[in-house]
Amino acid sequence: MKGPLLLLMLCIAVPALAGNKKAVDVENPRPFAEQAEKVRQDLSTGDTYSQIGNEDRSKVLSALQRMEMALQSSPNPMQLTPESKVAVFNDQELVNALLTRAGEDSRMICQRVRTVGSHLSTTQCMTAAERRRLRESNKDELTRLQRQPVLKQPGT
C-alpha cells in the first residue's frame, strides 16, 4: 500500500519542482547579456510584469546593472572573487524574487459573471493583483460600514 502511494506522490512532486524557472541565471549557458536584455524588454513592454511597482522596477534594473559590471571583469561566474560571487548571487536572487512576484501578480484571471437582473453572463478579466486590491478594498469598506453607529430616528 505504501509503494503506490509513494510513487503517486513522487509523480505529483516532480512536475512541480520542474516548473521552478528563474528569470535570470548567471550559470545558464545562454549569455547573461541576452538574459538581462530580455528582462529589460519584458519590463519596458509592461505585458509580462505589468503589476511591478516603480520601486521594484528600479531595484531590478540596478541589480542587473551591478551584475553586468561584475561579470564584465570575468564572464565566467566561477572565476569571480568570493565577494563578487556573493554579490552577484544576492543580486540574482533579488531579481528573481521581484520578477516572480510581479509575474504572479500580472497573471490574468477571467470568470463568467451574471449581471444583476439579467440571465446573460459576461466575462470579467482582471490581474491577480487587481482582484486582491478589489477584495481588500471591499473588505475595508464593509468593516468601515459595520463600525459606523446606527442613527436612531426621533420619535421611534
N, C-alpha and C. Protein backbone atom coordinates (compact mmCIF):
# COMPACT_ATOMS: atom_id res chain seq x y z
N MET A 1 0.82 -1.20 0.00
CA MET A 1 0.00 0.00 0.00
C MET A 1 0.86 1.26 0.00
N LYS A 2 2.00 1.22 0.72
CA LYS A 2 2.85 2.40 0.79
C LYS A 2 3.58 2.64 -0.52
N GLY A 3 3.87 1.58 -1.27
CA GLY A 3 4.61 1.71 -2.52
C GLY A 3 3.86 2.55 -3.55
N PRO A 4 2.61 2.21 -3.87
CA PRO A 4 1.87 3.01 -4.86
C PRO A 4 1.63 4.45 -4.39
N LEU A 5 1.43 4.62 -3.09
CA LEU A 5 1.21 5.97 -2.56
C LEU A 5 2.47 6.82 -2.72
N LEU A 6 3.63 6.23 -2.43
CA LEU A 6 4.90 6.93 -2.60
C LEU A 6 5.13 7.28 -4.06
N LEU A 7 4.84 6.34 -4.95
CA LEU A 7 5.00 6.58 -6.39
C LEU A 7 4.09 7.71 -6.86
N LEU A 8 2.86 7.72 -6.37
CA LEU A 8 1.92 8.78 -6.74
C LEU A 8 2.42 10.14 -6.26
N MET A 9 2.93 10.20 -5.03
CA MET A 9 3.42 11.47 -4.50
C MET A 9 4.64 11.96 -5.28
N LEU A 10 5.51 11.04 -5.69
CA LEU A 10 6.67 11.44 -6.49
C LEU A 10 6.24 11.96 -7.86
N CYS A 11 5.24 11.32 -8.46
CA CYS A 11 4.75 11.77 -9.77
C CYS A 11 4.14 13.17 -9.69
N ILE A 12 3.54 13.49 -8.56
CA ILE A 12 2.95 14.81 -8.39
C ILE A 12 4.03 15.85 -8.11
N ALA A 13 5.05 15.48 -7.33
CA ALA A 13 6.07 16.44 -6.90
C ALA A 13 7.05 16.81 -8.01
N VAL A 14 7.38 15.87 -8.89
CA VAL A 14 8.41 16.13 -9.91
C VAL A 14 8.01 17.27 -10.85
N PRO A 15 6.80 17.30 -11.43
CA PRO A 15 6.45 18.43 -12.30
C PRO A 15 6.42 19.76 -11.55
N ALA A 16 6.03 19.74 -10.29
CA ALA A 16 6.00 20.99 -9.52
C ALA A 16 7.41 21.54 -9.34
N LEU A 17 8.37 20.67 -9.10
CA LEU A 17 9.75 21.11 -8.95
C LEU A 17 10.35 21.53 -10.27
N ALA A 18 9.93 20.90 -11.36
CA ALA A 18 10.48 21.23 -12.67
C ALA A 18 10.02 22.61 -13.14
N GLY A 19 8.92 23.12 -12.62
CA GLY A 19 8.40 24.42 -13.05
C GLY A 19 9.11 25.60 -12.42
N ASN A 20 10.13 25.38 -11.61
CA ASN A 20 10.85 26.46 -10.94
C ASN A 20 11.80 27.12 -11.93
N LYS A 21 11.32 28.09 -12.69
CA LYS A 21 12.10 28.75 -13.74
C LYS A 21 12.55 30.11 -13.24
N LYS A 22 13.83 30.40 -13.43
CA LYS A 22 14.38 31.68 -12.99
C LYS A 22 14.41 32.64 -14.17
N ALA A 23 14.16 33.90 -13.89
CA ALA A 23 14.23 34.92 -14.94
C ALA A 23 15.68 35.20 -15.31
N VAL A 24 16.56 35.18 -14.32
CA VAL A 24 17.98 35.45 -14.55
C VAL A 24 18.79 34.36 -13.86
N ASP A 25 19.70 33.73 -14.59
CA ASP A 25 20.56 32.69 -14.04
C ASP A 25 21.94 32.87 -14.65
N VAL A 26 22.91 33.33 -13.84
CA VAL A 26 24.24 33.61 -14.38
C VAL A 26 24.98 32.35 -14.77
N GLU A 27 24.57 31.18 -14.26
CA GLU A 27 25.24 29.93 -14.61
C GLU A 27 24.63 29.29 -15.86
N ASN A 28 23.61 29.89 -16.40
CA ASN A 28 22.97 29.40 -17.61
C ASN A 28 23.94 29.54 -18.78
N PRO A 29 23.98 28.55 -19.69
CA PRO A 29 24.88 28.68 -20.83
C PRO A 29 24.56 29.87 -21.73
N ARG A 30 23.32 30.31 -21.73
CA ARG A 30 22.96 31.48 -22.53
C ARG A 30 23.64 32.69 -21.91
N PRO A 31 24.25 33.55 -22.71
CA PRO A 31 24.97 34.69 -22.16
C PRO A 31 24.08 35.57 -21.28
N PHE A 32 24.69 36.07 -20.22
CA PHE A 32 23.95 36.89 -19.27
C PHE A 32 23.39 38.14 -19.94
N ALA A 33 24.13 38.71 -20.88
CA ALA A 33 23.67 39.93 -21.56
C ALA A 33 22.33 39.70 -22.25
N GLU A 34 22.15 38.52 -22.86
CA GLU A 34 20.87 38.20 -23.51
C GLU A 34 19.75 38.12 -22.48
N GLN A 35 20.03 37.46 -21.36
CA GLN A 35 19.02 37.33 -20.31
C GLN A 35 18.62 38.70 -19.76
N ALA A 36 19.62 39.54 -19.51
CA ALA A 36 19.34 40.87 -18.97
C ALA A 36 18.54 41.70 -19.96
N GLU A 37 18.88 41.59 -21.24
CA GLU A 37 18.15 42.35 -22.27
C GLU A 37 16.70 41.87 -22.36
N LYS A 38 16.48 40.57 -22.25
CA LYS A 38 15.12 40.02 -22.29
C LYS A 38 14.31 40.55 -21.10
N VAL A 39 14.92 40.59 -19.93
CA VAL A 39 14.22 41.11 -18.75
C VAL A 39 13.90 42.59 -18.95
N ARG A 40 14.84 43.35 -19.48
CA ARG A 40 14.59 44.78 -19.72
C ARG A 40 13.46 44.98 -20.72
N GLN A 41 13.43 44.16 -21.78
CA GLN A 41 12.34 44.26 -22.77
C GLN A 41 11.00 43.94 -22.12
N ASP A 42 10.97 42.87 -21.31
CA ASP A 42 9.73 42.50 -20.64
C ASP A 42 9.26 43.59 -19.68
N LEU A 43 10.19 44.24 -19.03
CA LEU A 43 9.83 45.34 -18.12
C LEU A 43 9.31 46.55 -18.89
N SER A 44 9.91 46.83 -20.05
CA SER A 44 9.51 48.03 -20.81
C SER A 44 8.17 47.85 -21.51
N THR A 45 7.87 46.63 -22.00
CA THR A 45 6.59 46.43 -22.68
C THR A 45 5.43 46.45 -21.71
N GLY A 46 5.65 46.01 -20.49
CA GLY A 46 4.59 46.04 -19.49
C GLY A 46 3.60 44.91 -19.59
N ASP A 47 3.84 43.92 -20.44
CA ASP A 47 2.91 42.81 -20.55
C ASP A 47 3.20 41.74 -19.51
N THR A 48 4.43 41.26 -19.49
CA THR A 48 4.78 40.16 -18.59
C THR A 48 4.77 40.59 -17.14
N TYR A 49 5.29 41.77 -16.87
CA TYR A 49 5.40 42.26 -15.49
C TYR A 49 4.61 43.55 -15.34
N SER A 50 3.34 43.52 -15.72
CA SER A 50 2.53 44.74 -15.70
C SER A 50 2.27 45.25 -14.29
N GLN A 51 2.33 44.38 -13.29
CA GLN A 51 2.00 44.80 -11.93
C GLN A 51 3.22 45.11 -11.08
N ILE A 52 4.39 45.26 -11.69
CA ILE A 52 5.58 45.60 -10.91
C ILE A 52 5.57 47.09 -10.62
N GLY A 53 5.88 47.45 -9.39
CA GLY A 53 5.89 48.85 -8.99
C GLY A 53 7.15 49.55 -9.47
N ASN A 54 7.12 50.88 -9.44
CA ASN A 54 8.28 51.66 -9.88
C ASN A 54 9.50 51.39 -9.02
N GLU A 55 9.30 51.23 -7.72
CA GLU A 55 10.42 50.97 -6.81
C GLU A 55 11.05 49.61 -7.12
N ASP A 56 10.22 48.58 -7.30
CA ASP A 56 10.75 47.25 -7.63
C ASP A 56 11.40 47.25 -9.00
N ARG A 57 10.82 47.97 -9.94
CA ARG A 57 11.40 48.06 -11.29
C ARG A 57 12.81 48.65 -11.22
N SER A 58 12.98 49.72 -10.45
CA SER A 58 14.31 50.34 -10.34
C SER A 58 15.28 49.42 -9.60
N LYS A 59 14.79 48.66 -8.61
CA LYS A 59 15.65 47.69 -7.92
C LYS A 59 16.15 46.62 -8.89
N VAL A 60 15.25 46.13 -9.74
CA VAL A 60 15.63 45.10 -10.71
C VAL A 60 16.66 45.65 -11.69
N LEU A 61 16.40 46.83 -12.21
CA LEU A 61 17.33 47.41 -13.20
C LEU A 61 18.70 47.70 -12.60
N SER A 62 18.73 48.20 -11.37
CA SER A 62 20.04 48.48 -10.76
C SER A 62 20.77 47.18 -10.41
N ALA A 63 20.04 46.13 -10.00
CA ALA A 63 20.68 44.85 -9.72
C ALA A 63 21.24 44.24 -11.01
N LEU A 64 20.50 44.36 -12.11
CA LEU A 64 21.01 43.86 -13.39
C LEU A 64 22.28 44.61 -13.80
N GLN A 65 22.29 45.91 -13.56
CA GLN A 65 23.47 46.70 -13.91
C GLN A 65 24.67 46.29 -13.06
N ARG A 66 24.45 46.07 -11.76
CA ARG A 66 25.55 45.62 -10.89
C ARG A 66 26.07 44.25 -11.31
N MET A 67 25.16 43.37 -11.70
CA MET A 67 25.58 42.04 -12.15
C MET A 67 26.39 42.13 -13.44
N GLU A 68 25.95 42.98 -14.36
CA GLU A 68 26.69 43.15 -15.61
C GLU A 68 28.09 43.69 -15.36
N MET A 69 28.20 44.65 -14.45
CA MET A 69 29.52 45.21 -14.15
C MET A 69 30.43 44.15 -13.54
N ALA A 70 29.89 43.31 -12.66
CA ALA A 70 30.71 42.26 -12.04
C ALA A 70 31.12 41.21 -13.06
N LEU A 71 30.22 40.89 -14.00
CA LEU A 71 30.52 39.85 -14.98
C LEU A 71 31.35 40.37 -16.15
N GLN A 72 31.51 41.68 -16.29
CA GLN A 72 32.37 42.21 -17.35
C GLN A 72 33.83 41.87 -17.09
N SER A 73 34.23 41.88 -15.82
CA SER A 73 35.62 41.56 -15.50
C SER A 73 35.91 40.09 -15.73
N SER A 74 34.91 39.24 -15.53
CA SER A 74 35.09 37.80 -15.73
C SER A 74 33.76 37.21 -16.18
N PRO A 75 33.60 36.89 -17.47
CA PRO A 75 32.33 36.37 -17.95
C PRO A 75 31.93 35.04 -17.30
N ASN A 76 32.93 34.27 -16.85
CA ASN A 76 32.64 33.00 -16.19
C ASN A 76 32.41 33.28 -14.70
N PRO A 77 31.22 33.01 -14.17
CA PRO A 77 30.94 33.32 -12.77
C PRO A 77 31.82 32.53 -11.79
N MET A 78 32.38 31.41 -12.23
CA MET A 78 33.23 30.62 -11.34
C MET A 78 34.59 31.27 -11.12
N GLN A 79 34.97 32.21 -11.97
CA GLN A 79 36.27 32.87 -11.84
C GLN A 79 36.18 34.18 -11.05
N LEU A 80 35.01 34.52 -10.57
CA LEU A 80 34.85 35.74 -9.77
C LEU A 80 35.46 35.54 -8.39
N THR A 81 35.80 36.65 -7.76
CA THR A 81 36.28 36.58 -6.37
C THR A 81 35.11 36.15 -5.48
N PRO A 82 35.40 35.59 -4.32
CA PRO A 82 34.30 35.16 -3.43
C PRO A 82 33.33 36.29 -3.09
N GLU A 83 33.85 37.50 -2.89
CA GLU A 83 32.97 38.63 -2.57
C GLU A 83 32.07 38.97 -3.76
N SER A 84 32.65 38.92 -4.96
CA SER A 84 31.86 39.21 -6.16
C SER A 84 30.81 38.13 -6.40
N LYS A 85 31.18 36.87 -6.13
CA LYS A 85 30.21 35.77 -6.28
C LYS A 85 29.01 35.99 -5.38
N VAL A 86 29.29 36.36 -4.13
CA VAL A 86 28.19 36.58 -3.18
C VAL A 86 27.32 37.75 -3.64
N ALA A 87 27.95 38.82 -4.09
CA ALA A 87 27.18 39.99 -4.54
C ALA A 87 26.33 39.65 -5.76
N VAL A 88 26.90 38.92 -6.72
CA VAL A 88 26.15 38.53 -7.92
C VAL A 88 25.02 37.58 -7.54
N PHE A 89 25.29 36.64 -6.66
CA PHE A 89 24.25 35.70 -6.23
C PHE A 89 23.11 36.44 -5.54
N ASN A 90 23.44 37.37 -4.64
CA ASN A 90 22.39 38.13 -3.95
C ASN A 90 21.57 38.97 -4.93
N ASP A 91 22.24 39.60 -5.89
CA ASP A 91 21.50 40.37 -6.90
C ASP A 91 20.62 39.47 -7.76
N GLN A 92 21.14 38.29 -8.10
CA GLN A 92 20.37 37.33 -8.90
C GLN A 92 19.11 36.90 -8.14
N GLU A 93 19.25 36.62 -6.86
CA GLU A 93 18.10 36.21 -6.06
C GLU A 93 17.09 37.35 -5.92
N LEU A 94 17.59 38.57 -5.76
CA LEU A 94 16.70 39.73 -5.67
C LEU A 94 15.89 39.90 -6.95
N VAL A 95 16.57 39.84 -8.10
CA VAL A 95 15.90 39.98 -9.40
C VAL A 95 14.86 38.88 -9.58
N ASN A 96 15.24 37.65 -9.30
CA ASN A 96 14.32 36.53 -9.49
C ASN A 96 13.11 36.63 -8.56
N ALA A 97 13.33 37.03 -7.31
CA ALA A 97 12.22 37.16 -6.37
C ALA A 97 11.25 38.25 -6.80
N LEU A 98 11.78 39.41 -7.17
CA LEU A 98 10.91 40.52 -7.57
C LEU A 98 10.14 40.21 -8.85
N LEU A 99 10.82 39.59 -9.82
CA LEU A 99 10.16 39.28 -11.09
C LEU A 99 9.15 38.15 -10.94
N THR A 100 9.44 37.19 -10.07
CA THR A 100 8.49 36.10 -9.83
C THR A 100 7.21 36.65 -9.22
N ARG A 101 7.37 37.50 -8.21
CA ARG A 101 6.19 38.09 -7.56
C ARG A 101 5.40 38.95 -8.55
N ALA A 102 6.10 39.75 -9.36
CA ALA A 102 5.42 40.60 -10.34
C ALA A 102 4.73 39.76 -11.40
N GLY A 103 5.36 38.67 -11.81
CA GLY A 103 4.75 37.79 -12.80
C GLY A 103 3.49 37.14 -12.28
N GLU A 104 3.51 36.73 -11.00
CA GLU A 104 2.32 36.12 -10.40
C GLU A 104 1.21 37.15 -10.26
N ASP A 105 1.57 38.38 -9.88
CA ASP A 105 0.56 39.43 -9.75
C ASP A 105 -0.01 39.85 -11.10
N SER A 106 0.75 39.68 -12.17
CA SER A 106 0.32 40.09 -13.51
C SER A 106 -0.52 39.03 -14.21
N ARG A 107 -0.69 37.88 -13.60
CA ARG A 107 -1.45 36.79 -14.19
C ARG A 107 -2.92 37.20 -14.34
N MET A 108 -3.47 36.99 -15.54
CA MET A 108 -4.87 37.35 -15.80
C MET A 108 -5.79 36.22 -15.34
N ILE A 109 -6.87 36.61 -14.66
CA ILE A 109 -7.87 35.66 -14.21
C ILE A 109 -9.21 36.14 -14.77
N CYS A 110 -9.85 35.27 -15.54
CA CYS A 110 -11.14 35.61 -16.13
C CYS A 110 -12.22 34.72 -15.53
N GLN A 111 -13.39 35.28 -15.36
CA GLN A 111 -14.51 34.49 -14.87
C GLN A 111 -15.80 34.99 -15.51
N ARG A 112 -16.75 34.10 -15.61
CA ARG A 112 -18.06 34.44 -16.16
C ARG A 112 -18.97 34.83 -15.00
N VAL A 113 -19.56 36.02 -15.08
CA VAL A 113 -20.46 36.50 -14.02
C VAL A 113 -21.77 36.95 -14.65
N ARG A 114 -22.83 36.75 -13.90
CA ARG A 114 -24.14 37.20 -14.36
C ARG A 114 -24.39 38.61 -13.88
N THR A 115 -24.90 39.42 -14.77
CA THR A 115 -25.27 40.78 -14.43
C THR A 115 -26.55 40.72 -13.61
N VAL A 116 -26.65 41.55 -12.59
CA VAL A 116 -27.83 41.57 -11.75
C VAL A 116 -29.05 41.94 -12.59
N GLY A 117 -30.11 41.15 -12.48
CA GLY A 117 -31.33 41.41 -13.22
C GLY A 117 -31.32 40.87 -14.64
N SER A 118 -30.34 40.07 -14.97
CA SER A 118 -30.24 39.54 -16.33
C SER A 118 -29.82 38.08 -16.26
N HIS A 119 -30.20 37.34 -17.28
CA HIS A 119 -29.78 35.95 -17.38
C HIS A 119 -28.51 35.82 -18.22
N LEU A 120 -28.07 36.92 -18.79
CA LEU A 120 -26.87 36.89 -19.61
C LEU A 120 -25.63 37.00 -18.72
N SER A 121 -24.63 36.23 -19.04
CA SER A 121 -23.39 36.33 -18.28
C SER A 121 -22.32 37.00 -19.15
N THR A 122 -21.44 37.70 -18.49
CA THR A 122 -20.35 38.38 -19.19
C THR A 122 -19.03 37.88 -18.62
N THR A 123 -17.98 38.10 -19.36
CA THR A 123 -16.65 37.70 -18.90
C THR A 123 -15.95 38.90 -18.30
N GLN A 124 -15.45 38.74 -17.08
CA GLN A 124 -14.68 39.78 -16.41
C GLN A 124 -13.25 39.27 -16.25
N CYS A 125 -12.30 40.03 -16.74
CA CYS A 125 -10.88 39.66 -16.62
C CYS A 125 -10.15 40.73 -15.82
N MET A 126 -9.37 40.28 -14.85
CA MET A 126 -8.54 41.16 -14.03
C MET A 126 -7.25 40.43 -13.71
N THR A 127 -6.22 41.20 -13.42
CA THR A 127 -4.98 40.56 -12.97
C THR A 127 -5.18 40.11 -11.53
N ALA A 128 -4.31 39.21 -11.09
CA ALA A 128 -4.39 38.71 -9.72
C ALA A 128 -4.24 39.86 -8.72
N ALA A 129 -3.37 40.81 -9.02
CA ALA A 129 -3.18 41.96 -8.12
C ALA A 129 -4.43 42.83 -8.08
N GLU A 130 -5.08 43.05 -9.22
CA GLU A 130 -6.31 43.85 -9.24
C GLU A 130 -7.41 43.16 -8.43
N ARG A 131 -7.52 41.85 -8.57
CA ARG A 131 -8.53 41.10 -7.80
C ARG A 131 -8.26 41.22 -6.30
N ARG A 132 -6.98 41.11 -5.91
CA ARG A 132 -6.61 41.21 -4.50
C ARG A 132 -6.93 42.61 -3.97
N ARG A 133 -6.59 43.66 -4.74
CA ARG A 133 -6.87 45.03 -4.30
C ARG A 133 -8.38 45.26 -4.17
N LEU A 134 -9.16 44.74 -5.12
CA LEU A 134 -10.61 44.89 -5.06
C LEU A 134 -11.18 44.18 -3.83
N ARG A 135 -10.71 42.97 -3.59
CA ARG A 135 -11.17 42.20 -2.43
C ARG A 135 -10.83 42.94 -1.13
N GLU A 136 -9.61 43.47 -1.04
CA GLU A 136 -9.19 44.19 0.17
C GLU A 136 -9.98 45.48 0.36
N SER A 137 -10.23 46.21 -0.73
CA SER A 137 -10.99 47.46 -0.59
C SER A 137 -12.44 47.17 -0.20
N ASN A 138 -13.03 46.10 -0.75
CA ASN A 138 -14.39 45.72 -0.37
C ASN A 138 -14.45 45.32 1.11
N LYS A 139 -13.45 44.60 1.55
CA LYS A 139 -13.40 44.19 2.96
C LYS A 139 -13.25 45.40 3.86
N ASP A 140 -12.38 46.34 3.48
CA ASP A 140 -12.19 47.56 4.28
C ASP A 140 -13.47 48.39 4.33
N GLU A 141 -14.16 48.49 3.21
CA GLU A 141 -15.41 49.26 3.16
C GLU A 141 -16.48 48.60 4.03
N LEU A 142 -16.57 47.29 3.99
CA LEU A 142 -17.55 46.58 4.82
C LEU A 142 -17.23 46.78 6.30
N THR A 143 -15.96 46.70 6.66
CA THR A 143 -15.56 46.92 8.05
C THR A 143 -15.89 48.34 8.48
N ARG A 144 -15.63 49.32 7.61
CA ARG A 144 -15.93 50.71 7.93
C ARG A 144 -17.43 50.91 8.14
N LEU A 145 -18.25 50.31 7.28
CA LEU A 145 -19.69 50.46 7.40
C LEU A 145 -20.22 49.78 8.66
N GLN A 146 -19.62 48.68 9.05
CA GLN A 146 -20.09 47.98 10.25
C GLN A 146 -19.73 48.73 11.52
N ARG A 147 -18.71 49.55 11.48
CA ARG A 147 -18.28 50.29 12.67
C ARG A 147 -19.02 51.61 12.84
N GLN A 148 -19.76 52.05 11.83
CA GLN A 148 -20.50 53.30 11.95
C GLN A 148 -21.67 53.11 12.91
N PRO A 149 -21.90 54.10 13.76
CA PRO A 149 -23.04 53.98 14.68
C PRO A 149 -24.35 54.11 13.91
N VAL A 150 -25.34 53.40 14.40
CA VAL A 150 -26.66 53.45 13.79
C VAL A 150 -27.39 54.64 14.39
N LEU A 151 -27.86 55.54 13.54
CA LEU A 151 -28.58 56.73 13.99
C LEU A 151 -30.05 56.38 14.16
N LYS A 152 -30.59 56.71 15.32
CA LYS A 152 -32.00 56.44 15.59
C LYS A 152 -32.83 57.63 15.13
N GLN A 153 -33.95 57.33 14.54
CA GLN A 153 -34.88 58.37 14.11
C GLN A 153 -35.59 58.93 15.34
N PRO A 154 -35.77 60.26 15.40
CA PRO A 154 -36.51 60.83 16.54
C PRO A 154 -37.96 60.36 16.52
N GLY A 155 -38.46 60.01 17.71
CA GLY A 155 -39.84 59.60 17.84
C GLY A 155 -40.05 58.12 17.62
N THR A 156 -38.99 57.34 17.45
CA THR A 156 -39.18 55.90 17.27
C THR A 156 -38.75 55.14 18.49
